[in-house]
Protein backbone atom coordinates (compact mmCIF):
# COMPACT_ATOMS: atom_id res chain seq x y z
CA UNK A 1 45.61 304.55 102.47
CA UNK A 2 47.54 305.43 99.42
CA UNK A 3 45.58 306.08 96.28
CA UNK A 4 47.27 303.35 94.31
CA UNK A 5 46.57 300.72 96.88
CA UNK A 6 42.91 301.64 97.14
CA UNK A 7 42.51 301.41 93.38
CA UNK A 8 44.21 297.93 93.41
CA UNK A 9 42.04 296.71 96.27
CA UNK A 10 38.98 298.12 94.31
CA UNK A 11 40.13 296.20 91.13
CA UNK A 12 40.44 292.87 93.01
CA UNK A 13 37.25 293.13 94.65
CA UNK A 14 35.39 293.97 91.32
CA UNK A 15 37.14 290.97 89.67
CA UNK A 16 35.96 288.81 92.55
CA UNK A 17 32.40 290.17 92.13
CA UNK A 18 32.48 289.39 88.32
CA UNK A 19 33.71 285.89 88.91
CA UNK A 20 30.96 285.37 91.47
CA UNK A 21 28.28 286.98 89.10
CA UNK A 22 29.46 285.00 86.10
CA UNK A 23 29.26 281.65 87.98
CA UNK A 24 25.76 282.54 89.50
CA UNK A 25 24.22 283.70 86.30
CA UNK A 26 24.95 280.44 84.49
CA UNK A 27 23.73 278.39 87.51
CA UNK A 28 20.29 280.24 88.03
CA UNK A 29 19.30 279.97 84.45
CA UNK A 30 16.19 277.74 84.53
CA UNK A 31 16.59 274.14 83.17
CA UNK A 32 19.25 271.47 83.18
CA UNK A 33 22.28 272.54 81.02
CA UNK A 34 23.05 268.94 80.10
CA UNK A 35 19.54 268.31 78.95
CA UNK A 36 19.68 271.61 77.02
CA UNK A 37 22.86 270.66 75.35
CA UNK A 38 21.97 266.97 74.55
CA UNK A 39 18.27 267.69 73.54
CA UNK A 40 15.13 265.69 74.72
CA UNK A 41 16.09 262.67 72.95
CA UNK A 42 19.08 262.01 75.30
CA UNK A 43 18.97 259.08 77.78
CA UNK A 44 19.45 259.46 81.50
CA UNK A 45 22.86 257.95 81.28
CA UNK A 46 24.18 260.39 78.59
CA UNK A 47 22.71 263.37 80.67
CA UNK A 48 24.50 262.00 83.82
CA UNK A 49 27.86 261.63 82.02
CA UNK A 50 27.66 265.21 80.74
CA UNK A 51 26.57 266.56 84.17
CA UNK A 52 29.62 264.89 85.61
CA UNK A 53 31.72 266.42 82.84
CA UNK A 54 30.33 269.88 83.52
CA UNK A 55 30.47 269.43 87.30
CA UNK A 56 26.77 270.38 87.66
CA UNK A 57 26.05 267.12 89.60
CA UNK A 58 27.99 268.46 92.57
CA UNK A 59 26.83 270.92 95.27
CA UNK A 60 26.97 274.70 94.39
CA UNK A 61 29.60 275.57 96.89
CA UNK A 62 31.92 272.66 95.60
CA UNK A 63 31.18 273.84 91.89
CA UNK A 64 32.18 277.44 92.91
CA UNK A 65 35.28 276.41 94.59
CA UNK A 66 36.27 274.39 91.57
CA UNK A 67 35.40 277.36 89.26
CA UNK A 68 37.52 279.63 91.33
CA UNK A 69 40.58 277.27 91.28
CA UNK A 70 40.19 277.15 87.61
CA UNK A 71 39.91 280.89 87.18
CA UNK A 72 42.96 281.49 89.44
CA UNK A 73 44.89 279.08 87.21
CA UNK A 74 43.55 280.61 83.99
CA UNK A 75 41.81 277.34 83.34
CA UNK A 76 38.25 277.70 82.18
CA UNK A 77 37.78 274.12 81.22
CA UNK A 78 37.36 272.63 77.71
CA UNK A 79 34.90 273.75 75.06
CA UNK A 80 32.14 271.24 74.50
CA UNK A 81 31.81 272.12 70.80
CA UNK A 82 35.54 272.29 69.90
CA UNK A 83 36.91 269.77 72.47
CA UNK A 84 39.75 272.39 73.17
CA UNK A 85 40.80 274.43 76.29
CA UNK A 86 38.67 277.54 76.28
CA UNK A 87 41.64 279.71 77.09
CA UNK A 88 43.43 278.46 73.93
CA UNK A 89 40.23 279.09 71.73
CA UNK A 90 39.91 282.72 73.23
CA UNK A 91 43.69 283.25 72.71
CA UNK A 92 43.50 282.19 69.08
CA UNK A 93 40.64 284.72 68.37
CA UNK A 94 41.46 287.58 70.82
CA UNK A 95 44.19 289.30 68.63
CA UNK A 96 41.59 290.08 65.89
CA UNK A 97 39.12 291.63 68.32
CA UNK A 98 41.79 293.37 70.24
CA UNK A 99 43.43 294.70 67.12
CA UNK A 100 39.97 295.93 65.93
CA UNK A 101 38.99 297.60 69.16
CA UNK A 102 42.52 299.29 69.56
CA UNK A 103 42.44 300.57 66.00
CA UNK A 104 38.95 301.95 66.47
CA UNK A 105 40.18 303.71 69.72
CA UNK A 106 43.10 305.15 67.97
CA UNK A 107 40.88 306.41 65.27
CA UNK A 108 38.55 307.99 67.86
CA UNK A 109 41.25 309.67 69.68
CA UNK A 110 43.08 311.21 66.81
CA UNK A 111 39.94 312.30 65.04
CA UNK A 112 37.71 313.49 68.07
CA UNK A 113 40.15 315.47 69.91
CA UNK A 114 41.09 318.00 67.03
CA UNK A 115 37.29 318.15 66.04
CA UNK A 116 36.27 318.81 69.70
CA UNK A 117 38.91 321.55 69.80
CA UNK A 118 37.81 323.09 66.52
CA UNK A 119 34.25 323.02 67.54
CA UNK A 120 34.96 324.81 70.81
CA UNK A 121 37.18 327.34 69.08
CA UNK A 122 34.59 328.27 66.53
CA UNK A 123 31.49 328.18 68.72
CA UNK A 124 28.44 329.23 66.71
CA UNK A 125 30.30 329.39 63.55
CA UNK A 126 29.97 327.33 60.40
CA UNK A 127 32.67 324.83 61.54
CA UNK A 128 30.93 324.32 64.89
CA UNK A 129 27.66 323.84 63.15
CA UNK A 130 29.10 321.23 60.63
CA UNK A 131 30.85 319.23 63.29
CA UNK A 132 27.79 319.17 65.58
CA UNK A 133 25.60 318.02 62.63
CA UNK A 134 28.35 315.32 61.82
CA UNK A 135 28.25 314.16 65.49
CA UNK A 136 24.53 313.94 65.51
CA UNK A 137 24.52 311.64 62.44
CA UNK A 138 27.39 309.52 63.98
CA UNK A 139 25.26 309.08 67.25
CA UNK A 140 22.14 308.18 65.15
CA UNK A 141 23.65 305.45 63.05
CA UNK A 142 24.50 301.99 64.78
CA UNK A 143 27.96 300.55 64.16
CA UNK A 144 26.61 297.48 62.27
CA UNK A 145 24.56 299.59 60.04
CA UNK A 146 27.53 301.86 59.31
CA UNK A 147 29.44 298.77 58.55
CA UNK A 148 26.84 297.68 56.03
CA UNK A 149 27.08 301.18 54.40
CA UNK A 150 30.85 301.14 54.25
CA UNK A 151 30.90 297.65 52.64
CA UNK A 152 28.30 298.81 50.02
CA UNK A 153 30.20 302.00 49.27
CA UNK A 154 33.91 301.09 49.52
CA UNK A 155 33.92 297.47 48.96
CA UNK A 156 31.21 296.64 46.48
CA UNK A 157 30.80 300.01 44.59
CA UNK A 158 34.43 301.50 44.53
CA UNK A 159 36.20 298.13 45.16
CA UNK A 160 38.87 299.79 47.33
CA UNK A 161 38.56 297.04 49.93
CA UNK A 162 37.80 293.38 49.80
CA UNK A 163 35.27 291.87 52.29
CA UNK A 164 36.02 288.59 53.99
CA UNK A 165 39.75 288.84 53.30
CA UNK A 166 41.24 289.16 56.92
CA UNK A 167 45.03 289.00 56.95
CA UNK A 168 46.94 288.18 60.18
CA UNK A 169 49.43 290.80 61.26
CA UNK A 170 52.13 288.20 61.20
CA UNK A 171 51.72 287.61 57.51
CA UNK A 172 51.41 291.13 56.15
CA UNK A 173 51.00 294.17 58.53
CA UNK A 174 49.85 296.39 55.68
CA UNK A 175 47.12 293.97 54.38
CA UNK A 176 46.14 293.27 58.04
CA UNK A 177 45.66 297.01 58.59
CA UNK A 178 43.66 297.30 55.42
CA UNK A 179 41.35 294.31 56.32
CA UNK A 180 40.57 295.99 59.74
CA UNK A 181 40.30 299.57 58.51
CA UNK A 182 36.56 299.51 57.39
CA UNK A 183 35.28 297.61 60.50
CA UNK A 184 37.37 300.00 62.80
CA UNK A 185 35.81 303.03 61.08
CA UNK A 186 32.39 301.63 61.62
CA UNK A 187 33.06 301.02 65.20
CA UNK A 188 34.74 304.45 65.81
CA UNK A 189 32.24 306.76 64.17
CA UNK A 190 29.71 306.63 66.91
CA UNK A 191 32.43 306.99 69.45
CA UNK A 192 34.00 309.96 67.76
CA UNK A 193 30.62 311.74 67.94
CA UNK A 194 30.44 311.06 71.71
CA UNK A 195 33.98 312.30 72.39
CA UNK A 196 33.60 315.41 70.23
CA UNK A 197 30.43 316.46 72.11
CA UNK A 198 31.99 315.85 75.51
CA UNK A 199 35.26 317.63 74.66
CA UNK A 200 33.57 320.59 73.02
CA UNK A 201 31.30 320.95 76.22
CA UNK A 202 34.11 320.71 78.69
CA UNK A 203 36.36 323.10 76.82
CA UNK A 204 33.67 325.69 76.69
CA UNK A 205 33.13 325.41 80.52
CA UNK A 206 36.97 325.67 81.09
CA UNK A 207 37.03 328.81 78.92
CA UNK A 208 34.98 330.79 81.38
CA UNK A 209 37.14 330.00 84.42
CA UNK A 210 39.48 332.48 86.07
CA UNK A 211 42.76 330.71 85.19
CA UNK A 212 42.05 331.33 81.42
CA UNK A 213 41.47 334.94 81.86
CA UNK A 214 44.71 335.09 83.97
CA UNK A 215 46.57 333.31 81.12
CA UNK A 216 45.24 335.64 78.54
CA UNK A 217 46.04 338.70 80.68
CA UNK A 218 49.58 337.58 80.68
CA UNK A 219 49.81 337.83 76.98
CA UNK A 220 49.97 334.14 76.21
CA UNK A 221 48.98 333.14 72.63
CA UNK A 222 45.40 331.77 72.11
CA UNK A 223 46.81 328.50 70.88
CA UNK A 224 48.92 328.10 74.12
CA UNK A 225 45.80 328.91 76.29
CA UNK A 226 43.93 326.22 74.32
CA UNK A 227 46.43 323.42 74.16
CA UNK A 228 48.56 323.88 77.26
CA UNK A 229 45.95 324.92 79.77
CA UNK A 230 42.43 324.27 78.63
CA UNK A 231 42.83 321.05 76.88
CA UNK A 232 44.66 319.37 79.74
CA UNK A 233 41.94 320.27 82.24
CA UNK A 234 39.13 319.48 79.61
CA UNK A 235 40.56 315.94 79.09
CA UNK A 236 39.76 314.50 82.57
CA UNK A 237 36.06 313.78 81.85
CA UNK A 238 37.03 312.94 78.20
CA UNK A 239 39.45 310.25 79.39
CA UNK A 240 36.70 308.61 81.48
CA UNK A 241 34.45 308.42 78.41
CA UNK A 242 37.25 306.87 76.33
CA UNK A 243 37.86 304.33 79.03
CA UNK A 244 34.17 303.49 79.08
CA UNK A 245 34.08 303.51 75.35
CA UNK A 246 36.75 300.95 75.10
CA UNK A 247 34.47 298.52 76.77
CA UNK A 248 31.83 299.43 74.21
CA UNK A 249 34.28 298.96 71.43
CA UNK A 250 35.00 295.35 72.55
CA UNK A 251 31.27 294.67 72.95
CA UNK A 252 30.56 296.40 69.56
CA UNK A 253 33.36 294.67 67.81
CA UNK A 254 31.68 291.24 68.52
CA UNK A 255 28.71 292.41 66.30
CA UNK A 256 30.88 294.33 63.63
CA UNK A 257 32.81 291.10 63.24
CA UNK A 258 29.66 289.31 62.09
CA UNK A 259 29.06 291.90 59.45
CA UNK A 260 32.67 291.69 58.10
CA UNK A 261 33.03 287.99 58.76
CA UNK A 262 36.12 288.52 60.82
CA UNK A 263 37.59 285.49 62.71
CA UNK A 264 37.53 287.14 66.16
CA UNK A 265 35.64 286.55 69.49
CA UNK A 266 32.34 287.57 67.90
CA UNK A 267 31.95 284.50 65.72
CA UNK A 268 33.32 282.36 68.66
CA UNK A 269 30.80 283.73 70.99
CA UNK A 270 27.86 283.25 68.58
CA UNK A 271 28.94 279.67 67.93
CA UNK A 272 29.28 278.97 71.72
CA UNK A 273 25.86 280.37 72.36
CA UNK A 274 24.28 278.46 69.42
CA UNK A 275 25.76 275.19 70.64
CA UNK A 276 25.02 275.67 74.30
CA UNK A 277 28.74 275.61 75.02
CA UNK A 278 28.59 276.87 78.55
CA UNK A 279 32.23 276.62 79.42
CA UNK A 280 33.15 278.68 76.38
CA UNK A 281 30.65 281.33 76.93
CA UNK A 282 31.47 281.50 80.64
CA UNK A 283 35.21 281.92 79.90
CA UNK A 284 34.52 284.56 77.26
CA UNK A 285 32.26 286.63 79.36
CA UNK A 286 34.84 286.61 82.26
CA UNK A 287 37.76 287.51 79.99
CA UNK A 288 36.06 290.33 78.36
CA UNK A 289 34.66 291.65 81.79
CA UNK A 290 38.26 291.45 83.18
CA UNK A 291 39.66 293.48 80.17
CA UNK A 292 36.95 296.19 80.70
CA UNK A 293 37.91 296.30 84.41
CA UNK A 294 41.63 296.62 83.84
CA UNK A 295 40.97 299.38 81.26
CA UNK A 296 39.01 301.36 83.94
CA UNK A 297 41.83 300.78 86.33
CA UNK A 298 44.29 302.24 83.89
CA UNK A 299 41.95 305.20 83.33
CA UNK A 300 41.69 305.90 87.08
CA UNK A 301 45.52 305.90 87.21
CA UNK A 302 45.67 308.43 84.33
CA UNK A 303 43.78 310.87 86.47
CA UNK A 304 46.77 311.39 88.54
CA UNK A 305 48.59 312.99 85.62
CA UNK A 306 45.63 314.94 84.48
CA UNK A 307 44.70 316.17 87.89
CA UNK A 308 47.45 316.71 90.35
CA UNK A 309 44.87 317.13 93.23
CA UNK A 310 44.24 313.38 93.04
CA UNK A 311 47.85 312.85 94.19
CA UNK A 312 46.91 314.27 97.55
CA UNK A 313 43.99 311.97 98.20
């Protein structure tokens, strides 16, 4: 079976499993969702009406079939808190979260790769030691705490940025970038530390292989050896880490958005959980999981460019 077909089948099976898991988790939670939402003062009639609206009064197979039909048609139901379609609510907040995660991913890539190469090329020297200490600090400080530090330093002390001043991209791209820069830096710093360490390690491993000695014996410049040969082979495990980190960036952005009061999915998810808005929370969990699965699928396909041997499998 061709590699691409196998990966697509794996993607579809994973999505099906996530749909089943999302449905099951919200059904096995102890207690009556309708009673949880309405509170102990609700009458039996009110509970029965909400159960009918939620569909929890029907048998589980019928509930799952209805849920699957809705998911297939991108219909996650209506939010109990906002009385709007869940997909519309997610769509209105998703651009903020996606912009934040992508900007953090961009900062991670353009910063971590040069630092990782510099650390590998200067192993044991001052540059390597400084980069290693910086990566340790980046790993030790959580994103939300880094966000608070950045606010105190750049917003409240230096007054270079304004907190709680998100500007949509459609209104002013420059101001939108400025409003997302600090939170994206807070998200990116721990990821930069991870990628730097992985890239440094993999490049040092590649430098001891035979093909590097052969390239050097041919008289190739050291920069050519590093950037044309070693870096491409060292990027394979790094791409895996970056793909996994994108899911972490999406999850981390939900917390960082609270720190910087950004109108993204984080605020929406907290509101949904606080109001026991099960359709909204279910839809958001499934949407985020689907994005992470799709990202990993794209990472798998990128292996074919980084490692030609995969084309033969």
